[in-house]
PDB file of N, CA and C in Angstrom:
ATOM      1  N   MET A   1      21.288  -9.164 -14.557  1.00  0.00           N
ATOM      2  CA  MET A   1      20.100  -9.648 -15.224  1.00  0.00           C
ATOM      3  C   MET A   1      19.398 -10.705 -14.382  1.00  0.00           C
ATOM      4  N   VAL A   2      20.161 -11.566 -13.742  1.00  0.00           N
ATOM      5  CA  VAL A   2      19.551 -12.599 -12.913  1.00  0.00           C
ATOM      6  C   VAL A   2      18.832 -11.957 -11.734  1.00  0.00           C
ATOM      7  N   ARG A   3      19.412 -10.878 -11.202  1.00  0.00           N
ATOM      8  CA  ARG A   3      18.781 -10.199 -10.071  1.00  0.00           C
ATOM      9  C   ARG A   3      17.393  -9.701 -10.448  1.00  0.00           C
ATOM     10  N   ARG A   4      17.240  -9.240 -11.686  1.00  0.00           N
ATOM     11  CA  ARG A   4      15.948  -8.747 -12.150  1.00  0.00           C
ATOM     12  C   ARG A   4      14.909  -9.864 -12.134  1.00  0.00           C
ATOM     13  N   TRP A   5      15.289 -11.069 -12.537  1.00  0.00           N
ATOM     14  CA  TRP A   5      14.348 -12.192 -12.555  1.00  0.00           C
ATOM     15  C   TRP A   5      14.045 -12.699 -11.152  1.00  0.00           C
ATOM     16  N   VAL A   6      15.004 -12.599 -10.252  1.00  0.00           N
ATOM     17  CA  VAL A   6      14.744 -12.973  -8.860  1.00  0.00           C
ATOM     18  C   VAL A   6      13.716 -12.024  -8.256  1.00  0.00           C
ATOM     19  N   VAL A   7      13.885 -10.742  -8.516  1.00  0.00           N
ATOM     20  CA  VAL A   7      12.907  -9.758  -8.040  1.00  0.00           C
ATOM     21  C   VAL A   7      11.543 -10.034  -8.672  1.00  0.00           C
ATOM     22  N   GLY A   8      11.515 -10.425  -9.938  1.00  0.00           N
ATOM     23  CA  GLY A   8      10.268 -10.783 -10.595  1.00  0.00           C
ATOM     24  C   GLY A   8       9.587 -11.969  -9.929  1.00  0.00           C
ATOM     25  N   GLY A   9      10.374 -12.956  -9.506  1.00  0.00           N
ATOM     26  CA  GLY A   9       9.810 -14.097  -8.783  1.00  0.00           C
ATOM     27  C   GLY A   9       9.230 -13.697  -7.442  1.00  0.00           C
ATOM     28  N   ILE A  10       9.927 -12.811  -6.745  1.00  0.00           N
ATOM     29  CA  ILE A  10       9.422 -12.329  -5.460  1.00  0.00           C
ATOM     30  C   ILE A  10       8.124 -11.551  -5.657  1.00  0.00           C
ATOM     31  N   VAL A  11       8.081 -10.732  -6.697  1.00  0.00           N
ATOM     32  CA  VAL A  11       6.871  -9.969  -6.994  1.00  0.00           C
ATOM     33  C   VAL A  11       5.718 -10.924  -7.351  1.00  0.00           C
ATOM     34  N   GLY A  12       6.036 -12.011  -8.050  1.00  0.00           N
ATOM     35  CA  GLY A  12       5.017 -13.009  -8.362  1.00  0.00           C
ATOM     36  C   GLY A  12       4.435 -13.643  -7.113  1.00  0.00           C
ATOM     37  N   VAL A  13       5.292 -13.947  -6.158  1.00  0.00           N
ATOM     38  CA  VAL A  13       4.819 -14.508  -4.887  1.00  0.00           C
ATOM     39  C   VAL A  13       3.955 -13.488  -4.153  1.00  0.00           C
ATOM     40  N   ILE A  14       4.341 -12.233  -4.180  1.00  0.00           N
ATOM     41  CA  ILE A  14       3.536 -11.190  -3.543  1.00  0.00           C
ATOM     42  C   ILE A  14       2.165 -11.095  -4.221  1.00  0.00           C
ATOM     43  N   GLY A  15       2.131 -11.242  -5.545  1.00  0.00           N
ATOM     44  CA  GLY A  15       0.853 -11.235  -6.255  1.00  0.00           C
ATOM     45  C   GLY A  15      -0.042 -12.388  -5.846  1.00  0.00           C
ATOM     46  N   ILE A  16       0.546 -13.564  -5.669  1.00  0.00           N
ATOM     47  CA  ILE A  16      -0.237 -14.725  -5.231  1.00  0.00           C
ATOM     48  C   ILE A  16      -0.748 -14.523  -3.806  1.00  0.00           C
ATOM     49  N   VAL A  17       0.082 -13.938  -2.948  1.00  0.00           N
ATOM     50  CA  VAL A  17      -0.359 -13.626  -1.583  1.00  0.00           C
ATOM     51  C   VAL A  17      -1.521 -12.629  -1.622  1.00  0.00           C
ATOM     52  N   GLY A  18      -1.431 -11.653  -2.522  1.00  0.00           N
ATOM     53  CA  GLY A  18      -2.527 -10.689  -2.660  1.00  0.00           C
ATOM     54  C   GLY A  18      -3.818 -11.357  -3.096  1.00  0.00           C
ATOM     55  N   LEU A  19      -3.731 -12.303  -4.030  1.00  0.00           N
ATOM     56  CA  LEU A  19      -4.934 -13.020  -4.451  1.00  0.00           C
ATOM     57  C   LEU A  19      -5.500 -13.871  -3.325  1.00  0.00           C
ATOM     58  N   ALA A  20      -4.631 -14.516  -2.562  1.00  0.00           N
ATOM     59  CA  ALA A  20      -5.094 -15.306  -1.421  1.00  0.00           C
ATOM     60  C   ALA A  20      -5.750 -14.419  -0.372  1.00  0.00           C
ATOM     61  N   MET A  21      -5.176 -13.240  -0.168  1.00  0.00           N
ATOM     62  CA  MET A  21      -5.750 -12.310   0.792  1.00  0.00           C
ATOM     63  C   MET A  21      -7.122 -11.835   0.322  1.00  0.00           C
ATOM     64  N   ALA A  22      -7.263 -11.558  -0.965  1.00  0.00           N
ATOM     65  CA  ALA A  22      -8.550 -11.111  -1.490  1.00  0.00           C
ATOM     66  C   ALA A  22      -9.592 -12.220  -1.415  1.00  0.00           C
ATOM     67  N   ALA A  23      -9.154 -13.455  -1.526  1.00  0.00           N
ATOM     68  CA  ALA A  23     -10.095 -14.569  -1.511  1.00  0.00           C
ATOM     69  C   ALA A  23     -10.559 -14.930  -0.106  1.00  0.00           C
ATOM     70  N   THR A  24      -9.737 -14.674   0.902  1.00  0.00           N
ATOM     71  CA  THR A  24     -10.074 -15.144   2.245  1.00  0.00           C
ATOM     72  C   THR A  24     -10.607 -14.058   3.170  1.00  0.00           C
ATOM     73  N   ILE A  25     -10.170 -12.829   3.000  1.00  0.00           N
ATOM     74  CA  ILE A  25     -10.609 -11.752   3.884  1.00  0.00           C
ATOM     75  C   ILE A  25     -11.797 -11.054   3.243  1.00  0.00           C
ATOM     76  N   HIS A  26     -12.882 -10.942   3.978  1.00  0.00           N
ATOM     77  CA  HIS A  26     -14.124 -10.429   3.399  1.00  0.00           C
ATOM     78  C   HIS A  26     -14.421  -8.981   3.770  1.00  0.00           C
ATOM     79  N   GLN A  27     -13.378  -8.222   4.060  1.00  0.00           N
ATOM     80  CA  GLN A  27     -13.550  -6.791   4.287  1.00  0.00           C
ATOM     81  C   GLN A  27     -13.184  -6.069   3.003  1.00  0.00           C
ATOM     82  N   THR A  28     -13.928  -5.045   2.678  1.00  0.00           N
ATOM     83  CA  THR A  28     -13.761  -4.367   1.398  1.00  0.00           C
ATOM     84  C   THR A  28     -12.360  -3.807   1.208  1.00  0.00           C
ATOM     85  N   GLY A  29     -11.788  -3.225   2.229  1.00  0.00           N
ATOM     86  CA  GLY A  29     -10.466  -2.626   2.116  1.00  0.00           C
ATOM     87  C   GLY A  29      -9.388  -3.649   1.814  1.00  0.00           C
ATOM     88  N   PHE A  30      -9.410  -4.764   2.534  1.00  0.00           N
ATOM     89  CA  PHE A  30      -8.407  -5.794   2.306  1.00  0.00           C
ATOM     90  C   PHE A  30      -8.624  -6.508   0.981  1.00  0.00           C
ATOM     91  N   TYR A  31      -9.870  -6.665   0.574  1.00  0.00           N
ATOM     92  CA  TYR A  31     -10.177  -7.257  -0.729  1.00  0.00           C
ATOM     93  C   TYR A  31      -9.583  -6.405  -1.847  1.00  0.00           C
ATOM     94  N   THR A  32      -9.806  -5.097  -1.749  1.00  0.00           N
ATOM     95  CA  THR A  32      -9.280  -4.173  -2.749  1.00  0.00           C
ATOM     96  C   THR A  32      -7.753  -4.155  -2.721  1.00  0.00           C
ATOM     97  N   LEU A  33      -7.167  -4.177  -1.533  1.00  0.00           N
ATOM     98  CA  LEU A  33      -5.708  -4.201  -1.408  1.00  0.00           C
ATOM     99  C   LEU A  33      -5.130  -5.467  -2.037  1.00  0.00           C
ATOM    100  N   GLY A  34      -5.756  -6.605  -1.801  1.00  0.00           N
ATOM    101  CA  GLY A  34      -5.274  -7.858  -2.379  1.00  0.00           C
ATOM    102  C   GLY A  34      -5.340  -7.850  -3.890  1.00  0.00           C
ATOM    103  N   LEU A  35      -6.432  -7.345  -4.445  1.00  0.00           N
ATOM    104  CA  LEU A  35      -6.544  -7.258  -5.900  1.00  0.00           C
ATOM    105  C   LEU A  35      -5.548  -6.261  -6.482  1.00  0.00           C
ATOM    106  N   ALA A  36      -5.316  -5.174  -5.766  1.00  0.00           N
ATOM    107  CA  ALA A  36      -4.339  -4.183  -6.229  1.00  0.00           C
ATOM    108  C   ALA A  36      -2.927  -4.769  -6.213  1.00  0.00           C
ATOM    109  N   MET A  37      -2.607  -5.543  -5.180  1.00  0.00           N
ATOM    110  CA  MET A  37      -1.291  -6.186  -5.120  1.00  0.00           C
ATOM    111  C   MET A  37      -1.112  -7.146  -6.292  1.00  0.00           C
ATOM    112  N   ALA A  38      -2.144  -7.938  -6.580  1.00  0.00           N
ATOM    113  CA  ALA A  38      -2.067  -8.888  -7.689  1.00  0.00           C
ATOM    114  C   ALA A  38      -1.963  -8.151  -9.025  1.00  0.00           C
ATOM    115  N   GLY A  39      -2.735  -7.096  -9.192  1.00  0.00           N
ATOM    116  CA  GLY A  39      -2.682  -6.323 -10.430  1.00  0.00           C
ATOM    117  C   GLY A  39      -1.335  -5.669 -10.645  1.00  0.00           C
ATOM    118  N   ALA A  40      -0.769  -5.116  -9.580  1.00  0.00           N
ATOM    119  CA  ALA A  40       0.546  -4.488  -9.695  1.00  0.00           C
ATOM    120  C   ALA A  40       1.618  -5.532 -10.018  1.00  0.00           C
ATOM    121  N   ALA A  41       1.488  -6.707  -9.449  1.00  0.00           N
ATOM    122  CA  ALA A  41       2.451  -7.774  -9.742  1.00  0.00           C
ATOM    123  C   ALA A  41       2.365  -8.190 -11.207  1.00  0.00           C
ATOM    124  N   ILE A  42       1.157  -8.298 -11.729  1.00  0.00           N
ATOM    125  CA  ILE A  42       0.979  -8.677 -13.135  1.00  0.00           C
ATOM    126  C   ILE A  42       1.589  -7.622 -14.053  1.00  0.00           C
ATOM    127  N   VAL A  43       1.324  -6.359 -13.777  1.00  0.00           N
ATOM    128  CA  VAL A  43       1.872  -5.279 -14.595  1.00  0.00           C
ATOM    129  C   VAL A  43       3.393  -5.294 -14.547  1.00  0.00           C
ATOM    130  N   TYR A  44       3.972  -5.498 -13.356  1.00  0.00           N
ATOM    131  CA  TYR A  44       5.426  -5.512 -13.224  1.00  0.00           C
ATOM    132  C   TYR A  44       6.034  -6.674 -14.003  1.00  0.00           C
ATOM    133  N   ILE A  45       5.430  -7.854 -13.905  1.00  0.00           N
ATOM    134  CA  ILE A  45       5.984  -9.020 -14.589  1.00  0.00           C
ATOM    135  C   ILE A  45       5.882  -8.864 -16.102  1.00  0.00           C
ATOM    136  N   PHE A  46       4.767  -8.323 -16.602  1.00  0.00           N
ATOM    137  CA  PHE A  46       4.672  -8.091 -18.040  1.00  0.00           C
ATOM    138  C   PHE A  46       5.684  -7.039 -18.497  1.00  0.00           C
ATOM    139  N   ALA A  47       5.934  -6.019 -17.683  1.00  0.00           N
ATOM    140  CA  ALA A  47       6.955  -5.027 -18.026  1.00  0.00           C
ATOM    141  C   ALA A  47       8.341  -5.661 -18.032  1.00  0.00           C
ATOM    142  N   LEU A  48       8.578  -6.590 -17.117  1.00  0.00           N
ATOM    143  CA  LEU A  48       9.846  -7.303 -17.075  1.00  0.00           C
ATOM    144  C   LEU A  48      10.044  -8.145 -18.336  1.00  0.00           C
ATOM    145  N   ILE A  49       8.988  -8.824 -18.767  1.00  0.00           N
ATOM    146  CA  ILE A  49       9.059  -9.621 -19.990  1.00  0.00           C
ATOM    147  C   ILE A  49       9.299  -8.722 -21.201  1.00  0.00           C
ATOM    148  N   LYS A  50       8.594  -7.590 -21.266  1.00  0.00           N
ATOM    149  CA  LYS A  50       8.767  -6.662 -22.383  1.00  0.00           C
ATOM    150  C   LYS A  50      10.195  -6.129 -22.439  1.00  0.00           C
ATOM    151  N   ARG A  51      10.731  -5.759 -21.293  1.00  0.00           N
ATOM    152  CA  ARG A  51      12.107  -5.243 -21.246  1.00  0.00           C
ATOM    153  C   ARG A  51      13.104  -6.300 -21.718  1.00  0.00           C
ATOM    154  N   SER A  52      12.856  -7.546 -21.348  1.00  0.00           N
ATOM    155  CA  SER A  52      13.748  -8.623 -21.776  1.00  0.00           C
ATOM    156  C   SER A  52      13.718  -8.809 -23.288  1.00  0.00           C
ATOM    157  N   PHE A  53      12.514  -8.786 -23.882  1.00  0.00           N
ATOM    158  CA  PHE A  53      12.414  -8.917 -25.330  1.00  0.00           C
ATOM    159  C   PHE A  53      13.009  -7.706 -26.044  1.00  0.00           C
ATOM    160  N   ASP A  54      12.802  -6.512 -25.509  1.00  0.00           N
ATOM    161  CA  ASP A  54      13.380  -5.313 -26.107  1.00  0.00           C
ATOM    162  C   ASP A  54      14.910  -5.369 -26.090  1.00  0.00           C
ATOM    163  N   GLU A  55      15.491  -5.828 -24.992  1.00  0.00           N
ATOM    164  CA  GLU A  55      16.952  -5.946 -24.926  1.00  0.00           C
ATOM    165  C   GLU A  55      17.457  -7.000 -25.908  1.00  0.00           C
ATOM    166  N   ALA A  56      16.716  -8.083 -26.066  1.00  0.00           N
ATOM    167  CA  ALA A  56      17.140  -9.137 -26.987  1.00  0.00           C
ATOM    168  C   ALA A  56      17.092  -8.644 -28.433  1.00  0.00           C
ATOM    169  N   GLU A  57      16.076  -7.887 -28.791  1.00  0.00           N
ATOM    170  CA  GLU A  57      15.978  -7.345 -30.150  1.00  0.00           C
ATOM    171  C   GLU A  57      17.054  -6.314 -30.408  1.00  0.00           C
ATOM    172  N   GLY A  58      17.340  -5.505 -29.432  1.00  0.00           N
ATOM    173  CA  GLY A  58      18.361  -4.478 -29.602  1.00  0.00           C
ATOM    174  C   GLY A  58      19.753  -5.075 -29.696  1.00  0.00           C
ATOM    175  N   GLY A  59      19.966  -6.221 -29.094  1.00  0.00           N
ATOM    176  CA  GLY A  59      21.283  -6.839 -29.130  1.00  0.00           C
ATOM    177  C   GLY A  59      21.610  -7.489 -30.462  1.00  0.00           C
ATOM    178  N   ARG A  60      20.599  -7.853 -31.248  1.00  0.00           N
ATOM    179  CA  ARG A  60      20.846  -8.508 -32.529  1.00  0.00           C
ATOM    180  C   ARG A  60      21.283  -7.531 -33.602  1.00  0.00           C
ATOM    181  N   GLY A  61      20.800  -6.322 -33.486  1.00  0.00           N
ATOM    182  CA  GLY A  61      21.103  -5.235 -34.287  1.00  0.00           C
ATOM    183  C   GLY A  61      21.175  -5.109 -35.673  1.00  0.00           C
TER     184      GLY A  61
END
């Protein structure tokens, strides 16, 4: 379980790097890539949070 949160932290850092890349590089391709990286990181982290809550609800039973 801890490994999952470590991966989530790494994905969060990748999302921040993507936002920084989109903010500083003014080429359309890199801008789109940076936003896509940030969007994918957000989706992954929300899925991680959802999975954690689902496991907690299932454990109470």
